[in-house]
Amino acid sequence: MVREARVHALFSIVIVLVLCDMALACAALYLLPVLIGWIRQVPGIGSVAVINVLLGWTLLGWAVALALALRSSHPAPPAVQVVQHFPQPQPWPGQQARAGWAGPPGPPPPRPGTPPPLTLPPRAQASTDTTSPRAHQ
């Protein structure tokens, strides 16, 4: 009888493991388009995932998600910006050359009628006054 209980417990554990494996395999098969798109680094993987999760229960939605995951993904060419600096044109004979940028400006010149900057008088030293009411406390 003890042997039958052990066999029954072992049989139950095996059944649970097989059911978990089957559920995992079904989930992997259901999400196969997302996994394929993720591995292939398909642009728009979010749309593949949304269509697969929301409409994958229909065979048509799953097939559309699989088609999006298997589509050819042409990587975009790298964005290159060509910058060409042409030399400054030479002035015509008898024409002055342009000055160009002379550097950062200095401080602005003082405006006429501007008051001088405010200066505060020095602080008076704290004296020990014995006539204050606080000193008598």
N, C-alpha and C. Protein backbone atom coordinates (compact mmCIF):
# COMPACT_ATOMS: atom_id res chain seq x y z
N MET A 1 0.82 -1.19 0.00
CA MET A 1 0.00 0.00 0.00
C MET A 1 0.87 1.27 0.00
N VAL A 2 1.97 1.20 0.74
CA VAL A 2 2.88 2.35 0.76
C VAL A 2 3.52 2.52 -0.62
N ARG A 3 3.80 1.35 -1.22
CA ARG A 3 4.41 1.40 -2.54
C ARG A 3 3.43 2.03 -3.55
N GLU A 4 2.18 1.74 -3.47
CA GLU A 4 1.19 2.32 -4.36
C GLU A 4 1.08 3.83 -4.17
N ALA A 5 1.20 4.30 -2.94
CA ALA A 5 1.14 5.74 -2.67
C ALA A 5 2.34 6.45 -3.28
N ARG A 6 3.50 5.82 -3.19
CA ARG A 6 4.71 6.43 -3.77
C ARG A 6 4.60 6.48 -5.29
N VAL A 7 4.11 5.42 -5.88
CA VAL A 7 3.95 5.38 -7.33
C VAL A 7 2.93 6.43 -7.76
N HIS A 8 1.86 6.55 -6.99
CA HIS A 8 0.83 7.54 -7.31
C HIS A 8 1.40 8.97 -7.21
N ALA A 9 2.21 9.25 -6.19
CA ALA A 9 2.81 10.57 -6.02
C ALA A 9 3.80 10.86 -7.15
N LEU A 10 4.60 9.87 -7.52
CA LEU A 10 5.55 10.04 -8.60
C LEU A 10 4.82 10.27 -9.92
N PHE A 11 3.76 9.52 -10.14
CA PHE A 11 2.96 9.67 -11.34
C PHE A 11 2.34 11.08 -11.41
N SER A 12 1.88 11.61 -10.28
CA SER A 12 1.31 12.95 -10.23
C SER A 12 2.36 14.01 -10.56
N ILE A 13 3.56 13.84 -10.05
CA ILE A 13 4.64 14.80 -10.33
C ILE A 13 4.99 14.79 -11.81
N VAL A 14 5.05 13.61 -12.40
CA VAL A 14 5.37 13.50 -13.82
C VAL A 14 4.27 14.15 -14.65
N ILE A 15 3.03 13.95 -14.27
CA ILE A 15 1.91 14.56 -15.01
C ILE A 15 2.00 16.08 -14.94
N VAL A 16 2.30 16.61 -13.76
CA VAL A 16 2.41 18.07 -13.60
C VAL A 16 3.56 18.60 -14.46
N LEU A 17 4.69 17.93 -14.46
CA LEU A 17 5.83 18.37 -15.27
C LEU A 17 5.50 18.32 -16.76
N VAL A 18 4.84 17.29 -17.20
CA VAL A 18 4.48 17.17 -18.61
C VAL A 18 3.49 18.27 -19.00
N LEU A 19 2.52 18.55 -18.12
CA LEU A 19 1.56 19.61 -18.41
C LEU A 19 2.25 20.98 -18.45
N CYS A 20 3.19 21.22 -17.55
CA CYS A 20 3.93 22.49 -17.57
C CYS A 20 4.75 22.62 -18.85
N ASP A 21 5.39 21.52 -19.27
CA ASP A 21 6.16 21.55 -20.51
C ASP A 21 5.26 21.81 -21.71
N MET A 22 4.09 21.20 -21.72
CA MET A 22 3.16 21.42 -22.82
C MET A 22 2.67 22.86 -22.85
N ALA A 23 2.39 23.44 -21.68
CA ALA A 23 1.95 24.83 -21.62
C ALA A 23 3.07 25.77 -22.10
N LEU A 24 4.29 25.47 -21.71
CA LEU A 24 5.42 26.28 -22.15
C LEU A 24 5.61 26.17 -23.67
N ALA A 25 5.46 24.97 -24.21
CA ALA A 25 5.60 24.77 -25.65
C ALA A 25 4.48 25.49 -26.40
N CYS A 26 3.25 25.46 -25.86
CA CYS A 26 2.14 26.17 -26.51
C CYS A 26 2.37 27.69 -26.48
N ALA A 27 2.88 28.21 -25.36
CA ALA A 27 3.15 29.65 -25.26
C ALA A 27 4.26 30.04 -26.24
N ALA A 28 5.28 29.19 -26.38
CA ALA A 28 6.36 29.49 -27.32
C ALA A 28 5.85 29.46 -28.75
N LEU A 29 4.97 28.50 -29.06
CA LEU A 29 4.41 28.43 -30.40
C LEU A 29 3.50 29.62 -30.67
N TYR A 30 2.74 30.04 -29.67
CA TYR A 30 1.85 31.19 -29.82
C TYR A 30 2.65 32.46 -30.06
N LEU A 31 3.77 32.61 -29.36
CA LEU A 31 4.60 33.81 -29.47
C LEU A 31 5.73 33.65 -30.48
N LEU A 32 5.67 32.62 -31.31
CA LEU A 32 6.71 32.38 -32.29
C LEU A 32 6.97 33.58 -33.21
N PRO A 33 5.94 34.27 -33.73
CA PRO A 33 6.24 35.44 -34.57
C PRO A 33 7.03 36.53 -33.84
N VAL A 34 6.72 36.75 -32.58
CA VAL A 34 7.47 37.76 -31.81
C VAL A 34 8.90 37.31 -31.61
N LEU A 35 9.10 36.04 -31.29
CA LEU A 35 10.45 35.53 -31.09
C LEU A 35 11.27 35.61 -32.38
N ILE A 36 10.65 35.27 -33.50
CA ILE A 36 11.36 35.34 -34.79
C ILE A 36 11.71 36.79 -35.12
N GLY A 37 10.76 37.70 -34.93
CA GLY A 37 11.02 39.11 -35.21
C GLY A 37 12.10 39.69 -34.30
N TRP A 38 12.11 39.24 -33.05
CA TRP A 38 13.12 39.74 -32.10
C TRP A 38 14.50 39.24 -32.49
N ILE A 39 14.59 37.96 -32.88
CA ILE A 39 15.89 37.41 -33.27
C ILE A 39 16.38 38.06 -34.56
N ARG A 40 15.49 38.30 -35.51
CA ARG A 40 15.87 38.90 -36.79
C ARG A 40 16.01 40.42 -36.70
N GLN A 41 15.67 41.01 -35.56
CA GLN A 41 15.74 42.46 -35.34
C GLN A 41 14.95 43.21 -36.41
N VAL A 42 13.70 42.79 -36.55
CA VAL A 42 12.82 43.39 -37.54
C VAL A 42 12.39 44.78 -37.06
N PRO A 43 12.44 45.79 -37.92
CA PRO A 43 11.92 47.09 -37.50
C PRO A 43 10.41 46.99 -37.29
N GLY A 44 9.91 47.62 -36.27
CA GLY A 44 8.49 47.56 -35.97
C GLY A 44 8.12 46.30 -35.21
N ILE A 45 9.00 45.84 -34.34
CA ILE A 45 8.72 44.63 -33.56
C ILE A 45 7.53 44.84 -32.64
N GLY A 46 7.27 46.09 -32.28
CA GLY A 46 6.12 46.38 -31.42
C GLY A 46 4.81 46.04 -32.11
N SER A 47 4.71 46.35 -33.39
CA SER A 47 3.48 46.03 -34.12
C SER A 47 3.33 44.52 -34.26
N VAL A 48 4.42 43.81 -34.44
CA VAL A 48 4.36 42.35 -34.52
C VAL A 48 3.85 41.79 -33.19
N ALA A 49 4.37 42.33 -32.08
CA ALA A 49 3.96 41.84 -30.76
C ALA A 49 2.49 42.15 -30.48
N VAL A 50 2.05 43.35 -30.83
CA VAL A 50 0.65 43.72 -30.56
C VAL A 50 -0.30 42.86 -31.38
N ILE A 51 0.00 42.69 -32.66
CA ILE A 51 -0.87 41.87 -33.51
C ILE A 51 -0.86 40.42 -33.02
N ASN A 52 0.31 39.93 -32.63
CA ASN A 52 0.39 38.55 -32.19
C ASN A 52 -0.35 38.33 -30.88
N VAL A 53 -0.20 39.23 -29.93
CA VAL A 53 -0.83 39.03 -28.63
C VAL A 53 -2.34 39.24 -28.71
N LEU A 54 -2.77 40.28 -29.43
CA LEU A 54 -4.20 40.58 -29.46
C LEU A 54 -4.97 39.75 -30.49
N LEU A 55 -4.36 39.47 -31.63
CA LEU A 55 -5.08 38.76 -32.68
C LEU A 55 -4.50 37.38 -32.98
N GLY A 56 -3.52 36.95 -32.21
CA GLY A 56 -2.88 35.67 -32.48
C GLY A 56 -3.79 34.48 -32.24
N TRP A 57 -4.81 34.64 -31.45
CA TRP A 57 -5.73 33.52 -31.19
C TRP A 57 -6.51 33.15 -32.44
N THR A 58 -6.64 34.12 -33.37
CA THR A 58 -7.21 33.77 -34.67
C THR A 58 -6.06 33.32 -35.55
N LEU A 59 -6.29 32.39 -36.40
CA LEU A 59 -5.21 31.91 -37.25
C LEU A 59 -4.74 33.01 -38.20
N LEU A 60 -5.65 33.87 -38.62
CA LEU A 60 -5.29 34.96 -39.52
C LEU A 60 -4.36 35.96 -38.83
N GLY A 61 -4.66 36.34 -37.58
CA GLY A 61 -3.81 37.27 -36.84
C GLY A 61 -2.42 36.71 -36.61
N TRP A 62 -2.35 35.42 -36.30
CA TRP A 62 -1.06 34.78 -36.09
C TRP A 62 -0.27 34.76 -37.39
N ALA A 63 -0.95 34.49 -38.51
CA ALA A 63 -0.27 34.45 -39.81
C ALA A 63 0.23 35.84 -40.22
N VAL A 64 -0.56 36.88 -39.93
CA VAL A 64 -0.13 38.25 -40.25
C VAL A 64 1.09 38.62 -39.41
N ALA A 65 1.07 38.27 -38.13
CA ALA A 65 2.22 38.57 -37.27
C ALA A 65 3.45 37.80 -37.74
N LEU A 66 3.27 36.56 -38.17
CA LEU A 66 4.39 35.79 -38.68
C LEU A 66 4.93 36.40 -39.97
N ALA A 67 4.02 36.87 -40.84
CA ALA A 67 4.47 37.50 -42.09
C ALA A 67 5.23 38.79 -41.80
N LEU A 68 4.77 39.57 -40.80
CA LEU A 68 5.51 40.79 -40.43
C LEU A 68 6.88 40.45 -39.86
N ALA A 69 6.97 39.36 -39.12
CA ALA A 69 8.25 38.97 -38.52
C ALA A 69 9.21 38.43 -39.57
N LEU A 70 8.69 37.84 -40.64
CA LEU A 70 9.54 37.24 -41.67
C LEU A 70 9.81 38.17 -42.84
N ARG A 71 9.25 39.37 -42.83
CA ARG A 71 9.46 40.27 -43.96
C ARG A 71 10.94 40.66 -44.05
N SER A 72 11.34 41.02 -45.24
CA SER A 72 12.74 41.39 -45.41
C SER A 72 12.98 42.73 -44.75
N SER A 73 14.00 42.77 -43.99
CA SER A 73 14.31 44.01 -43.28
C SER A 73 15.57 44.60 -43.88
N HIS A 74 15.38 45.61 -44.68
CA HIS A 74 16.52 46.31 -45.27
C HIS A 74 16.96 47.37 -44.27
N PRO A 75 18.16 47.24 -43.75
CA PRO A 75 18.61 48.27 -42.81
C PRO A 75 18.75 49.61 -43.51
N ALA A 76 18.35 50.62 -42.82
CA ALA A 76 18.45 51.97 -43.39
C ALA A 76 19.93 52.33 -43.56
N PRO A 77 20.25 53.00 -44.64
CA PRO A 77 21.64 53.40 -44.80
C PRO A 77 22.01 54.40 -43.72
N PRO A 78 23.25 54.40 -43.33
CA PRO A 78 23.63 55.34 -42.27
C PRO A 78 23.44 56.78 -42.72
N ALA A 79 22.98 57.58 -41.81
CA ALA A 79 22.77 58.99 -42.12
C ALA A 79 24.12 59.70 -42.12
N VAL A 80 24.49 60.20 -43.26
CA VAL A 80 25.77 60.89 -43.40
C VAL A 80 25.48 62.30 -43.88
N GLN A 81 26.06 63.24 -43.22
CA GLN A 81 25.90 64.63 -43.63
C GLN A 81 27.26 65.11 -44.11
N VAL A 82 27.32 65.48 -45.37
CA VAL A 82 28.57 65.94 -45.96
C VAL A 82 28.66 67.44 -45.77
N VAL A 83 29.72 67.87 -45.14
CA VAL A 83 29.95 69.29 -44.92
C VAL A 83 31.23 69.67 -45.66
N GLN A 84 31.11 70.63 -46.53
CA GLN A 84 32.27 71.06 -47.29
C GLN A 84 32.49 72.53 -47.01
N HIS A 85 33.67 72.84 -46.57
CA HIS A 85 34.02 74.23 -46.27
C HIS A 85 34.77 74.79 -47.47
N PHE A 86 34.13 75.69 -48.17
CA PHE A 86 34.78 76.33 -49.30
C PHE A 86 35.72 77.41 -48.80
N PRO A 87 36.81 77.64 -49.51
CA PRO A 87 37.72 78.72 -49.09
C PRO A 87 37.04 80.08 -49.30
N GLN A 88 37.46 81.04 -48.51
CA GLN A 88 36.92 82.39 -48.62
C GLN A 88 37.30 82.95 -49.99
N PRO A 89 36.35 83.60 -50.64
CA PRO A 89 36.69 84.17 -51.96
C PRO A 89 37.68 85.32 -51.80
N GLN A 90 38.60 85.39 -52.74
CA GLN A 90 39.60 86.46 -52.72
C GLN A 90 38.96 87.75 -53.20
N PRO A 91 39.30 88.89 -52.56
CA PRO A 91 38.71 90.17 -53.01
C PRO A 91 39.25 90.55 -54.39
N TRP A 92 38.43 91.31 -55.11
CA TRP A 92 38.86 91.83 -56.40
C TRP A 92 39.97 92.85 -56.19
N PRO A 93 40.75 93.04 -57.18
CA PRO A 93 41.80 94.06 -57.02
C PRO A 93 41.19 95.43 -56.73
N GLY A 94 41.73 96.07 -55.71
CA GLY A 94 41.24 97.39 -55.32
C GLY A 94 40.07 97.31 -54.33
N GLN A 95 39.63 96.13 -53.98
CA GLN A 95 38.52 95.97 -53.04
C GLN A 95 39.09 95.52 -51.70
N GLN A 96 38.52 96.06 -50.62
CA GLN A 96 39.00 95.67 -49.29
C GLN A 96 38.45 94.30 -48.92
N ALA A 97 39.27 93.57 -48.23
CA ALA A 97 38.83 92.26 -47.76
C ALA A 97 37.86 92.44 -46.60
N ARG A 98 36.91 91.52 -46.50
CA ARG A 98 35.97 91.59 -45.38
C ARG A 98 36.71 91.25 -44.10
N ALA A 99 36.29 91.88 -43.01
CA ALA A 99 36.99 91.71 -41.75
C ALA A 99 36.72 90.34 -41.15
N GLY A 100 35.51 89.84 -41.27
CA GLY A 100 35.19 88.56 -40.65
C GLY A 100 34.91 88.74 -39.17
N TRP A 101 34.97 87.68 -38.47
CA TRP A 101 34.66 87.72 -37.03
C TRP A 101 35.91 88.12 -36.28
N ALA A 102 35.80 89.10 -35.41
CA ALA A 102 36.96 89.64 -34.72
C ALA A 102 37.15 89.01 -33.35
N GLY A 103 36.37 88.04 -32.98
CA GLY A 103 36.52 87.40 -31.68
C GLY A 103 35.40 87.82 -30.75
N PRO A 104 35.43 87.30 -29.53
CA PRO A 104 34.34 87.64 -28.61
C PRO A 104 34.42 89.10 -28.19
N PRO A 105 33.27 89.72 -28.00
CA PRO A 105 33.29 91.13 -27.60
C PRO A 105 33.73 91.28 -26.15
N GLY A 106 34.30 92.43 -25.85
CA GLY A 106 34.70 92.71 -24.49
C GLY A 106 33.54 93.27 -23.70
N PRO A 107 33.82 93.81 -22.52
CA PRO A 107 32.72 94.38 -21.74
C PRO A 107 32.16 95.61 -22.44
N PRO A 108 30.89 95.88 -22.27
CA PRO A 108 30.31 97.03 -22.96
C PRO A 108 30.88 98.33 -22.40
N PRO A 109 30.98 99.34 -23.24
CA PRO A 109 31.50 100.63 -22.73
C PRO A 109 30.48 101.24 -21.77
N PRO A 110 30.96 102.01 -20.81
CA PRO A 110 30.02 102.63 -19.85
C PRO A 110 29.12 103.63 -20.56
N ARG A 111 27.88 103.65 -20.15
CA ARG A 111 26.93 104.59 -20.74
C ARG A 111 27.04 105.93 -20.03
N PRO A 112 26.86 107.00 -20.75
CA PRO A 112 26.92 108.31 -20.08
C PRO A 112 25.71 108.46 -19.15
N GLY A 113 25.96 109.03 -17.99
CA GLY A 113 24.89 109.27 -17.03
C GLY A 113 24.59 108.05 -16.17
N THR A 114 25.43 107.03 -16.23
CA THR A 114 25.21 105.85 -15.40
C THR A 114 25.72 106.13 -13.99
N PRO A 115 24.94 105.84 -12.98
CA PRO A 115 25.42 106.08 -11.62
C PRO A 115 26.56 105.13 -11.28
N PRO A 116 27.43 105.55 -10.36
CA PRO A 116 28.54 104.67 -9.96
C PRO A 116 27.98 103.46 -9.21
N PRO A 117 28.77 102.41 -9.11
CA PRO A 117 28.29 101.23 -8.40
C PRO A 117 28.05 101.55 -6.92
N LEU A 118 27.14 100.84 -6.33
CA LEU A 118 26.77 101.05 -4.94
C LEU A 118 27.84 100.47 -4.03
N THR A 119 28.32 101.29 -3.08
CA THR A 119 29.28 100.82 -2.08
C THR A 119 28.66 101.04 -0.72
N LEU A 120 28.76 100.03 0.12
CA LEU A 120 28.18 100.11 1.47
C LEU A 120 29.25 100.52 2.45
N PRO A 121 28.86 101.31 3.48
CA PRO A 121 29.85 101.69 4.51
C PRO A 121 30.21 100.46 5.33
N PRO A 122 31.39 100.46 5.93
CA PRO A 122 31.79 99.30 6.74
C PRO A 122 30.88 99.16 7.95
N ARG A 123 30.73 97.95 8.41
CA ARG A 123 29.90 97.69 9.59
C ARG A 123 30.58 98.23 10.84
N ALA A 124 29.73 98.70 11.74
CA ALA A 124 30.26 99.17 13.02
C ALA A 124 30.59 97.96 13.88
N GLN A 125 31.65 98.09 14.66
CA GLN A 125 32.06 97.00 15.54
C GLN A 125 31.05 96.85 16.66
N ALA A 126 30.77 95.63 17.07
CA ALA A 126 29.84 95.38 18.18
C ALA A 126 30.54 95.78 19.48
N SER A 127 29.92 96.72 20.19
CA SER A 127 30.53 97.18 21.45
C SER A 127 29.77 96.56 22.61
N THR A 128 30.43 96.42 23.72
CA THR A 128 29.79 95.89 24.93
C THR A 128 29.21 97.08 25.68
N ASP A 129 27.92 97.26 25.51
CA ASP A 129 27.23 98.39 26.14
C ASP A 129 26.61 97.90 27.44
N THR A 130 27.02 98.49 28.56
CA THR A 130 26.50 98.06 29.87
C THR A 130 25.23 98.79 30.23
N THR A 131 24.81 99.76 29.42
CA THR A 131 23.59 100.51 29.77
C THR A 131 22.36 99.90 29.13
N SER A 132 22.51 98.90 28.32
CA SER A 132 21.33 98.30 27.71
C SER A 132 20.59 97.45 28.72
N PRO A 133 19.28 97.33 28.57
CA PRO A 133 18.50 96.55 29.55
C PRO A 133 18.90 95.09 29.56
N ARG A 134 19.39 94.57 28.51
CA ARG A 134 19.80 93.16 28.46
C ARG A 134 21.02 92.91 29.31
N ALA A 135 21.89 93.85 29.36
CA ALA A 135 23.13 93.66 30.11
C ALA A 135 22.86 93.55 31.60
N HIS A 136 21.73 94.12 32.09
CA HIS A 136 21.44 94.09 33.52
C HIS A 136 20.70 92.83 33.94
N GLN A 137 20.34 91.96 33.04
CA GLN A 137 19.57 90.77 33.42
C GLN A 137 20.41 89.74 34.04
